[in-house]
Structures are given as structure tokens and as C-alpha cells.
Amino acid sequence: MKTFKLDLSSEEKQQLKKNGIKMSRLAEFAADEICVLLNTGKQRANEILAMITFQGIPSIGPKFAQDLISLGYYAINELVDKDGPMLFNELERKQGFWTDPCVEDQFWLAVHFANHPGSKKNWWDFTAERKAYRAKYGYPAERPETAWHELLTVTD
């Protein structure tokens, strides 16, 4: 499995250290074991496992893994027969702003990977397909008006 990134709390990191477990080994454990190892609840353990699992998809990182979790997905098989553009539309509605188009490409990839386990495709392999789809169907009328980049603030 490729290297994954997790945003563990300092308490969770302390528990790993106390139990002599490296973060890279968390993928070896079930949710109930992670509950005990990290002294955390079942929901948090499921989120950690989902973060690891989704980052196992080629070219998917922690931010997009978190996007999938925010939509209620915790396992790749839950994406079988889903629709990338519809998942993207759902994310934008939930966030309240429209997001970078490459995120939609990642939804296309995640759905493809769920239906073709072991695929080596990357998110950018779906850019042309996404562009053709949006040229034909456009975006939903209820799409948020504010763009993600309009929300960025410049800090010193």
C-alpha cells in the first residue's frame, strides 16, 4: 500500500506511541482494534480507516479522502455504481461553493476504481471525459455561485 497521511490528534499519536504502533501499520487493524489502540470512538476509527482506504486509490490524497467521508462514504465498495458528476454536485451543494474541476475528476476516478478494483488510472485520466460531460450537460441550476478561489484569503 502507498504511504497515506492522517491528521491524528496529539492524544491519538501518544496512544500509538504508548502501544508501540507506527502510523503506517494502522491499515492492518480493524475499526474495533483502532478504537482500543487509539482510545477513540467507533466513528473516529471508521474515519481513520476510510482515510487510509481512499488514499489507496491512485493519485488520491487526504483532502479528497476527507471529501468522500464528508458525503458519508467510508469504503470503496460504497462507490460502486455511483455517478462521479452527481457526487461532485452533492459536494458543492454541501460545501456551499463551487470547487476546482480536478475534484470532479477525482470523483470520476473513485467511482471507476470502485467498479474496476486495482485500476492504475489517475484522476487526470478523467479530465477529457469530465469536460465532454459538462459540455453536454452543464452544471445543475442550483449550483452555488461562489467559487472556491473567491474564499481564499491572503495572509502575511
N, C-alpha and C. Protein backbone atom coordinates (compact mmCIF):
# COMPACT_ATOMS: atom_id res chain seq x y z
N MET A 1 0.85 -1.19 0.00
CA MET A 1 0.00 0.00 0.00
C MET A 1 0.88 1.24 0.00
N LYS A 2 0.41 2.28 -0.68
CA LYS A 2 1.18 3.52 -0.72
C LYS A 2 1.13 4.22 0.63
N THR A 3 1.99 5.18 0.80
CA THR A 3 2.02 5.95 2.03
C THR A 3 0.76 6.80 2.12
N PHE A 4 0.18 6.88 3.29
CA PHE A 4 -1.02 7.68 3.50
C PHE A 4 -0.75 8.72 4.57
N LYS A 5 -1.56 9.76 4.54
CA LYS A 5 -1.44 10.84 5.52
C LYS A 5 -2.70 10.85 6.38
N LEU A 6 -2.49 10.99 7.69
CA LEU A 6 -3.59 11.06 8.63
C LEU A 6 -3.39 12.27 9.53
N ASP A 7 -4.48 12.93 9.83
CA ASP A 7 -4.43 14.06 10.74
C ASP A 7 -4.85 13.56 12.12
N LEU A 8 -3.92 12.90 12.79
CA LEU A 8 -4.21 12.36 14.11
C LEU A 8 -4.00 13.45 15.16
N SER A 9 -4.81 13.40 16.20
CA SER A 9 -4.65 14.35 17.30
C SER A 9 -3.39 13.98 18.08
N SER A 10 -2.93 14.89 18.92
CA SER A 10 -1.74 14.59 19.73
C SER A 10 -2.02 13.42 20.67
N GLU A 11 -3.26 13.33 21.17
CA GLU A 11 -3.63 12.21 22.04
C GLU A 11 -3.57 10.89 21.28
N GLU A 12 -4.06 10.89 20.04
CA GLU A 12 -4.03 9.67 19.22
C GLU A 12 -2.59 9.26 18.93
N LYS A 13 -1.75 10.24 18.64
CA LYS A 13 -0.33 9.94 18.39
C LYS A 13 0.33 9.38 19.65
N GLN A 14 -0.01 9.92 20.81
CA GLN A 14 0.53 9.42 22.07
C GLN A 14 0.10 7.97 22.29
N GLN A 15 -1.15 7.66 21.97
CA GLN A 15 -1.65 6.29 22.14
C GLN A 15 -0.90 5.33 21.21
N LEU A 16 -0.64 5.77 19.99
CA LEU A 16 0.14 4.92 19.08
C LEU A 16 1.50 4.61 19.67
N LYS A 17 2.14 5.67 20.15
CA LYS A 17 3.48 5.51 20.72
C LYS A 17 3.43 4.60 21.95
N LYS A 18 2.45 4.83 22.80
CA LYS A 18 2.28 4.01 24.01
C LYS A 18 2.12 2.53 23.67
N ASN A 19 1.39 2.26 22.56
CA ASN A 19 1.13 0.89 22.15
C ASN A 19 2.20 0.33 21.20
N GLY A 20 3.22 1.13 20.92
CA GLY A 20 4.32 0.67 20.07
C GLY A 20 3.91 0.41 18.63
N ILE A 21 2.95 1.20 18.15
CA ILE A 21 2.45 1.02 16.78
C ILE A 21 2.83 2.24 15.94
N LYS A 22 3.40 1.98 14.77
CA LYS A 22 3.68 3.07 13.83
C LYS A 22 2.41 3.40 13.05
N MET A 23 2.26 4.66 12.70
CA MET A 23 1.06 5.09 11.96
C MET A 23 0.87 4.26 10.69
N SER A 24 1.96 3.93 10.03
CA SER A 24 1.88 3.17 8.77
C SER A 24 1.24 1.79 8.97
N ARG A 25 1.18 1.30 10.19
CA ARG A 25 0.60 -0.02 10.46
C ARG A 25 -0.90 0.03 10.74
N LEU A 26 -1.48 1.22 10.87
CA LEU A 26 -2.91 1.30 11.19
C LEU A 26 -3.79 0.58 10.17
N ALA A 27 -3.34 0.50 8.93
CA ALA A 27 -4.12 -0.18 7.89
C ALA A 27 -4.28 -1.68 8.18
N GLU A 28 -3.47 -2.21 9.06
CA GLU A 28 -3.52 -3.63 9.40
C GLU A 28 -4.63 -3.97 10.39
N PHE A 29 -5.25 -2.95 10.98
CA PHE A 29 -6.20 -3.17 12.05
C PHE A 29 -7.64 -2.90 11.63
N ALA A 30 -8.56 -3.57 12.30
CA ALA A 30 -9.99 -3.33 12.10
C ALA A 30 -10.40 -2.14 12.96
N ALA A 31 -11.58 -1.60 12.67
CA ALA A 31 -12.07 -0.41 13.39
C ALA A 31 -12.13 -0.63 14.89
N ASP A 32 -12.62 -1.79 15.32
CA ASP A 32 -12.72 -2.02 16.77
C ASP A 32 -11.35 -2.08 17.43
N GLU A 33 -10.35 -2.56 16.71
CA GLU A 33 -8.98 -2.58 17.24
C GLU A 33 -8.41 -1.17 17.31
N ILE A 34 -8.72 -0.36 16.31
CA ILE A 34 -8.25 1.03 16.32
C ILE A 34 -8.88 1.79 17.48
N CYS A 35 -10.12 1.49 17.78
CA CYS A 35 -10.79 2.11 18.94
C CYS A 35 -9.95 1.89 20.20
N VAL A 36 -9.49 0.67 20.39
CA VAL A 36 -8.71 0.33 21.58
C VAL A 36 -7.32 0.94 21.50
N LEU A 37 -6.66 0.78 20.34
CA LEU A 37 -5.30 1.29 20.19
C LEU A 37 -5.20 2.80 20.40
N LEU A 38 -6.19 3.54 19.91
CA LEU A 38 -6.14 4.99 19.99
C LEU A 38 -7.02 5.57 21.09
N ASN A 39 -7.71 4.67 21.80
CA ASN A 39 -8.64 5.12 22.85
C ASN A 39 -9.63 6.14 22.27
N THR A 40 -10.28 5.72 21.20
CA THR A 40 -11.20 6.61 20.48
C THR A 40 -12.51 5.89 20.21
N GLY A 41 -13.48 6.62 19.72
CA GLY A 41 -14.78 6.05 19.41
C GLY A 41 -14.82 5.35 18.06
N LYS A 42 -15.89 4.61 17.85
CA LYS A 42 -16.07 3.83 16.61
C LYS A 42 -16.12 4.75 15.38
N GLN A 43 -16.81 5.90 15.48
CA GLN A 43 -16.91 6.82 14.35
C GLN A 43 -15.52 7.31 13.92
N ARG A 44 -14.71 7.70 14.88
CA ARG A 44 -13.36 8.19 14.57
C ARG A 44 -12.52 7.06 13.97
N ALA A 45 -12.63 5.87 14.50
CA ALA A 45 -11.89 4.73 13.95
C ALA A 45 -12.30 4.46 12.51
N ASN A 46 -13.60 4.55 12.23
CA ASN A 46 -14.08 4.37 10.85
C ASN A 46 -13.53 5.46 9.93
N GLU A 47 -13.46 6.69 10.42
CA GLU A 47 -12.90 7.79 9.61
C GLU A 47 -11.44 7.54 9.29
N ILE A 48 -10.68 7.08 10.28
CA ILE A 48 -9.26 6.80 10.07
C ILE A 48 -9.09 5.70 9.02
N LEU A 49 -9.87 4.63 9.14
CA LEU A 49 -9.78 3.55 8.15
C LEU A 49 -10.19 4.03 6.76
N ALA A 50 -11.21 4.87 6.70
CA ALA A 50 -11.64 5.40 5.40
C ALA A 50 -10.55 6.28 4.79
N MET A 51 -9.90 7.09 5.61
CA MET A 51 -8.81 7.93 5.10
C MET A 51 -7.70 7.06 4.49
N ILE A 52 -7.38 5.98 5.17
CA ILE A 52 -6.35 5.07 4.68
C ILE A 52 -6.81 4.40 3.38
N THR A 53 -8.03 3.87 3.39
CA THR A 53 -8.57 3.15 2.24
C THR A 53 -8.65 4.02 1.00
N PHE A 54 -9.23 5.22 1.14
CA PHE A 54 -9.40 6.09 -0.03
C PHE A 54 -8.06 6.57 -0.58
N GLN A 55 -7.07 6.75 0.29
CA GLN A 55 -5.76 7.15 -0.21
C GLN A 55 -5.04 6.00 -0.91
N GLY A 56 -5.62 4.80 -0.86
CA GLY A 56 -5.09 3.67 -1.62
C GLY A 56 -5.46 3.72 -3.09
N ILE A 57 -6.38 4.61 -3.45
CA ILE A 57 -6.74 4.81 -4.86
C ILE A 57 -5.63 5.66 -5.48
N PRO A 58 -5.12 5.27 -6.66
CA PRO A 58 -4.04 6.04 -7.27
C PRO A 58 -4.38 7.54 -7.38
N SER A 59 -3.44 8.36 -7.03
CA SER A 59 -3.48 9.83 -7.12
C SER A 59 -4.50 10.50 -6.21
N ILE A 60 -5.03 9.78 -5.24
CA ILE A 60 -5.98 10.36 -4.28
C ILE A 60 -5.24 10.67 -2.99
N GLY A 61 -5.43 11.88 -2.51
CA GLY A 61 -4.77 12.30 -1.28
C GLY A 61 -5.75 12.49 -0.14
N PRO A 62 -5.24 13.01 0.97
CA PRO A 62 -6.07 13.13 2.18
C PRO A 62 -7.23 14.12 2.04
N LYS A 63 -7.07 15.18 1.30
CA LYS A 63 -8.16 16.17 1.17
C LYS A 63 -9.36 15.54 0.46
N PHE A 64 -9.12 14.85 -0.63
CA PHE A 64 -10.24 14.22 -1.33
C PHE A 64 -10.82 13.06 -0.53
N ALA A 65 -9.97 12.32 0.18
CA ALA A 65 -10.48 11.25 1.05
C ALA A 65 -11.46 11.85 2.06
N GLN A 66 -11.11 13.02 2.60
CA GLN A 66 -12.00 13.69 3.55
C GLN A 66 -13.29 14.14 2.88
N ASP A 67 -13.21 14.57 1.62
CA ASP A 67 -14.42 14.94 0.88
C ASP A 67 -15.38 13.75 0.78
N LEU A 68 -14.85 12.58 0.49
CA LEU A 68 -15.70 11.39 0.40
C LEU A 68 -16.34 11.08 1.75
N ILE A 69 -15.57 11.17 2.81
CA ILE A 69 -16.10 10.92 4.15
C ILE A 69 -17.18 11.95 4.49
N SER A 70 -16.96 13.20 4.09
CA SER A 70 -17.96 14.24 4.38
C SER A 70 -19.30 13.95 3.71
N LEU A 71 -19.27 13.16 2.64
CA LEU A 71 -20.51 12.77 1.95
C LEU A 71 -21.08 11.45 2.51
N GLY A 72 -20.41 10.90 3.51
CA GLY A 72 -20.93 9.70 4.16
C GLY A 72 -20.38 8.38 3.63
N TYR A 73 -19.29 8.42 2.89
CA TYR A 73 -18.69 7.20 2.35
C TYR A 73 -17.48 6.80 3.19
N TYR A 74 -17.39 5.52 3.50
CA TYR A 74 -16.31 5.02 4.34
C TYR A 74 -15.58 3.84 3.71
N ALA A 75 -16.05 3.35 2.59
CA ALA A 75 -15.42 2.20 1.93
C ALA A 75 -15.55 2.35 0.42
N ILE A 76 -14.56 1.86 -0.29
CA ILE A 76 -14.56 1.96 -1.75
C ILE A 76 -15.78 1.28 -2.35
N ASN A 77 -16.17 0.14 -1.80
CA ASN A 77 -17.31 -0.59 -2.38
C ASN A 77 -18.62 0.19 -2.26
N GLU A 78 -18.68 1.19 -1.42
CA GLU A 78 -19.88 2.03 -1.33
C GLU A 78 -20.02 2.95 -2.54
N LEU A 79 -18.97 3.05 -3.34
CA LEU A 79 -18.98 3.90 -4.53
C LEU A 79 -19.33 3.15 -5.81
N VAL A 80 -19.47 1.83 -5.71
CA VAL A 80 -19.84 1.03 -6.88
C VAL A 80 -21.18 1.54 -7.41
N ASP A 81 -21.25 1.70 -8.70
CA ASP A 81 -22.47 2.15 -9.38
C ASP A 81 -22.90 3.56 -9.03
N LYS A 82 -22.03 4.35 -8.39
CA LYS A 82 -22.34 5.76 -8.16
C LYS A 82 -21.99 6.54 -9.42
N ASP A 83 -22.27 7.82 -9.41
CA ASP A 83 -22.06 8.68 -10.56
C ASP A 83 -21.14 9.83 -10.15
N GLY A 84 -19.95 9.91 -10.76
CA GLY A 84 -18.98 10.95 -10.40
C GLY A 84 -19.52 12.36 -10.45
N PRO A 85 -20.17 12.77 -11.54
CA PRO A 85 -20.71 14.14 -11.59
C PRO A 85 -21.76 14.41 -10.51
N MET A 86 -22.59 13.43 -10.21
CA MET A 86 -23.61 13.63 -9.18
C MET A 86 -22.98 13.75 -7.79
N LEU A 87 -21.93 12.98 -7.54
CA LEU A 87 -21.22 13.09 -6.27
C LEU A 87 -20.57 14.47 -6.15
N PHE A 88 -20.00 14.93 -7.25
CA PHE A 88 -19.38 16.26 -7.28
C PHE A 88 -20.43 17.34 -7.01
N ASN A 89 -21.58 17.24 -7.66
CA ASN A 89 -22.67 18.20 -7.44
C ASN A 89 -23.10 18.20 -5.97
N GLU A 90 -23.16 17.00 -5.39
CA GLU A 90 -23.56 16.87 -3.98
C GLU A 90 -22.53 17.56 -3.07
N LEU A 91 -21.25 17.37 -3.37
CA LEU A 91 -20.21 18.01 -2.57
C LEU A 91 -20.32 19.53 -2.64
N GLU A 92 -20.51 20.06 -3.84
CA GLU A 92 -20.63 21.51 -3.98
C GLU A 92 -21.84 22.04 -3.21
N ARG A 93 -22.96 21.35 -3.29
CA ARG A 93 -24.15 21.78 -2.53
C ARG A 93 -23.85 21.79 -1.04
N LYS A 94 -23.20 20.74 -0.58
CA LYS A 94 -22.89 20.62 0.84
C LYS A 94 -21.92 21.71 1.30
N GLN A 95 -20.91 21.99 0.48
CA GLN A 95 -19.91 22.99 0.84
C GLN A 95 -20.46 24.41 0.71
N GLY A 96 -21.38 24.60 -0.22
CA GLY A 96 -21.93 25.93 -0.44
C GLY A 96 -21.11 26.80 -1.38
N PHE A 97 -20.17 26.20 -2.09
CA PHE A 97 -19.37 26.91 -3.10
C PHE A 97 -18.95 25.91 -4.16
N TRP A 98 -18.66 26.43 -5.37
CA TRP A 98 -18.19 25.50 -6.38
C TRP A 98 -16.69 25.34 -6.25
N THR A 99 -16.24 24.16 -6.58
CA THR A 99 -14.86 23.80 -6.30
C THR A 99 -14.09 23.53 -7.59
N ASP A 100 -12.81 23.35 -7.44
CA ASP A 100 -11.91 23.13 -8.56
C ASP A 100 -12.37 21.92 -9.39
N PRO A 101 -12.38 22.03 -10.71
CA PRO A 101 -12.83 20.92 -11.56
C PRO A 101 -12.03 19.63 -11.38
N CYS A 102 -10.78 19.73 -10.97
CA CYS A 102 -10.00 18.49 -10.78
C CYS A 102 -10.60 17.62 -9.68
N VAL A 103 -11.37 18.22 -8.77
CA VAL A 103 -12.05 17.43 -7.75
C VAL A 103 -13.10 16.54 -8.40
N GLU A 104 -13.76 17.06 -9.42
CA GLU A 104 -14.72 16.22 -10.13
C GLU A 104 -14.01 15.06 -10.81
N ASP A 105 -12.84 15.32 -11.38
CA ASP A 105 -12.06 14.24 -11.98
C ASP A 105 -11.76 13.14 -10.95
N GLN A 106 -11.52 13.55 -9.70
CA GLN A 106 -11.24 12.58 -8.64
C GLN A 106 -12.48 11.74 -8.33
N PHE A 107 -13.67 12.36 -8.40
CA PHE A 107 -14.89 11.58 -8.22
C PHE A 107 -15.04 10.56 -9.34
N TRP A 108 -14.78 10.98 -10.57
CA TRP A 108 -14.83 10.04 -11.69
C TRP A 108 -13.89 8.86 -11.42
N LEU A 109 -12.67 9.17 -10.98
CA LEU A 109 -11.68 8.13 -10.68
C LEU A 109 -12.16 7.21 -9.57
N ALA A 110 -12.65 7.77 -8.47
CA ALA A 110 -13.07 6.95 -7.32
C ALA A 110 -14.16 5.96 -7.73
N VAL A 111 -15.13 6.43 -8.51
CA VAL A 111 -16.20 5.55 -8.98
C VAL A 111 -15.64 4.49 -9.92
N HIS A 112 -14.75 4.90 -10.82
CA HIS A 112 -14.12 3.95 -11.74
C HIS A 112 -13.36 2.88 -10.94
N PHE A 113 -12.58 3.32 -9.96
CA PHE A 113 -11.79 2.39 -9.16
C PHE A 113 -12.69 1.42 -8.40
N ALA A 114 -13.79 1.91 -7.88
CA ALA A 114 -14.73 1.04 -7.15
C ALA A 114 -15.29 -0.05 -8.06
N ASN A 115 -15.49 0.30 -9.32
CA ASN A 115 -16.04 -0.65 -10.28
C ASN A 115 -14.97 -1.46 -11.01
N HIS A 116 -13.72 -1.04 -10.89
CA HIS A 116 -12.59 -1.73 -11.52
C HIS A 116 -11.43 -1.80 -10.52
N PRO A 117 -11.58 -2.59 -9.46
CA PRO A 117 -10.55 -2.66 -8.42
C PRO A 117 -9.17 -2.95 -9.01
N GLY A 118 -8.18 -2.25 -8.48
CA GLY A 118 -6.82 -2.45 -8.96
C GLY A 118 -6.47 -1.59 -10.16
N SER A 119 -7.40 -0.80 -10.66
CA SER A 119 -7.12 0.07 -11.79
C SER A 119 -5.94 0.98 -11.46
N LYS A 120 -5.12 1.25 -12.44
CA LYS A 120 -3.95 2.11 -12.25
C LYS A 120 -4.19 3.53 -12.77
N LYS A 121 -5.43 3.82 -13.18
CA LYS A 121 -5.72 5.16 -13.70
C LYS A 121 -5.57 6.20 -12.59
N ASN A 122 -5.28 7.43 -13.01
CA ASN A 122 -5.16 8.57 -12.11
C ASN A 122 -6.29 9.55 -12.39
N TRP A 123 -6.49 10.52 -11.49
CA TRP A 123 -7.62 11.44 -11.66
C TRP A 123 -7.54 12.20 -12.97
N TRP A 124 -6.35 12.58 -13.42
CA TRP A 124 -6.22 13.36 -14.64
C TRP A 124 -6.57 12.56 -15.89
N ASP A 125 -6.68 11.24 -15.77
CA ASP A 125 -7.13 10.42 -16.89
C ASP A 125 -8.61 10.63 -17.19
N PHE A 126 -9.32 11.32 -16.31
CA PHE A 126 -10.76 11.55 -16.48
C PHE A 126 -11.10 12.99 -16.87
N THR A 127 -10.09 13.82 -17.06
CA THR A 127 -10.33 15.23 -17.37
C THR A 127 -11.11 15.39 -18.67
N ALA A 128 -10.70 14.72 -19.73
CA ALA A 128 -11.39 14.84 -21.02
C ALA A 128 -12.83 14.36 -20.92
N GLU A 129 -13.04 13.26 -20.21
CA GLU A 129 -14.38 12.72 -20.03
C GLU A 129 -15.26 13.71 -19.26
N ARG A 130 -14.70 14.30 -18.21
CA ARG A 130 -15.44 15.29 -17.43
C ARG A 130 -15.80 16.51 -18.28
N LYS A 131 -14.83 17.00 -19.05
CA LYS A 131 -15.07 18.17 -19.90
C LYS A 131 -16.15 17.88 -20.93
N ALA A 132 -16.12 16.70 -21.52
CA ALA A 132 -17.15 16.33 -22.51
C ALA A 132 -18.52 16.23 -21.84
N TYR A 133 -18.56 15.66 -20.65
CA TYR A 133 -19.81 15.54 -19.92
C TYR A 133 -20.38 16.92 -19.60
N ARG A 134 -19.56 17.81 -19.07
CA ARG A 134 -20.03 19.14 -18.69
C ARG A 134 -20.40 19.99 -19.92
N ALA A 135 -19.71 19.78 -21.04
CA ALA A 135 -20.08 20.49 -22.27
C ALA A 135 -21.47 20.06 -22.73
N LYS A 136 -21.78 18.80 -22.53
CA LYS A 136 -23.07 18.27 -22.96
C LYS A 136 -24.19 18.58 -21.96
N TYR A 137 -23.91 18.42 -20.66
CA TYR A 137 -24.96 18.52 -19.65
C TYR A 137 -24.89 19.78 -18.77
N GLY A 138 -23.74 20.45 -18.75
CA GLY A 138 -23.59 21.63 -17.90
C GLY A 138 -23.62 21.28 -16.42
N TYR A 139 -23.91 22.29 -15.62
CA TYR A 139 -23.99 22.14 -14.17
C TYR A 139 -25.43 22.34 -13.73
N PRO A 140 -25.78 21.84 -12.55
CA PRO A 140 -27.16 22.00 -12.09
C PRO A 140 -27.50 23.47 -11.83
N ALA A 141 -28.77 23.80 -12.00
CA ALA A 141 -29.24 25.17 -11.81
C ALA A 141 -28.98 25.66 -10.39
N GLU A 142 -29.02 24.74 -9.42
CA GLU A 142 -28.82 25.13 -8.02
C GLU A 142 -27.35 25.15 -7.60
N ARG A 143 -26.43 25.10 -8.57
CA ARG A 143 -25.01 25.13 -8.24
C ARG A 143 -24.68 26.43 -7.49
N PRO A 144 -23.90 26.33 -6.41
CA PRO A 144 -23.52 27.55 -5.69
C PRO A 144 -22.86 28.57 -6.61
N GLU A 145 -23.02 29.83 -6.30
CA GLU A 145 -22.48 30.89 -7.16
C GLU A 145 -21.05 31.27 -6.83
N THR A 146 -20.65 31.08 -5.60
CA THR A 146 -19.31 31.48 -5.18
C THR A 146 -18.30 30.39 -5.51
N ALA A 147 -17.16 30.80 -6.06
CA ALA A 147 -16.10 29.86 -6.41
C ALA A 147 -15.18 29.64 -5.22
N TRP A 148 -14.57 28.47 -5.17
CA TRP A 148 -13.66 28.13 -4.08
C TRP A 148 -12.54 29.14 -3.96
N HIS A 149 -12.00 29.61 -5.08
CA HIS A 149 -10.86 30.52 -5.03
C HIS A 149 -11.25 31.92 -4.54
N GLU A 150 -12.55 32.24 -4.59
CA GLU A 150 -13.02 33.52 -4.06
C GLU A 150 -13.05 33.51 -2.54
N LEU A 151 -12.96 32.33 -1.94
CA LEU A 151 -12.99 32.20 -0.49
C LEU A 151 -11.59 32.26 0.13
N LEU A 152 -10.57 32.17 -0.71
CA LEU A 152 -9.19 32.18 -0.21
C LEU A 152 -8.85 33.55 0.33
N THR A 153 -8.12 33.58 1.42
CA THR A 153 -7.67 34.85 1.98
C THR A 153 -6.16 34.88 1.94
N VAL A 154 -5.62 36.03 1.72
CA VAL A 154 -4.19 36.20 1.69
C VAL A 154 -3.73 36.54 3.11
N THR A 155 -2.72 35.79 3.56
CA THR A 155 -2.17 36.06 4.89
C THR A 155 -0.71 36.45 4.74
N ASP A 156 -0.25 37.22 5.69
CA ASP A 156 1.16 37.66 5.67
C ASP A 156 2.09 36.56 6.05
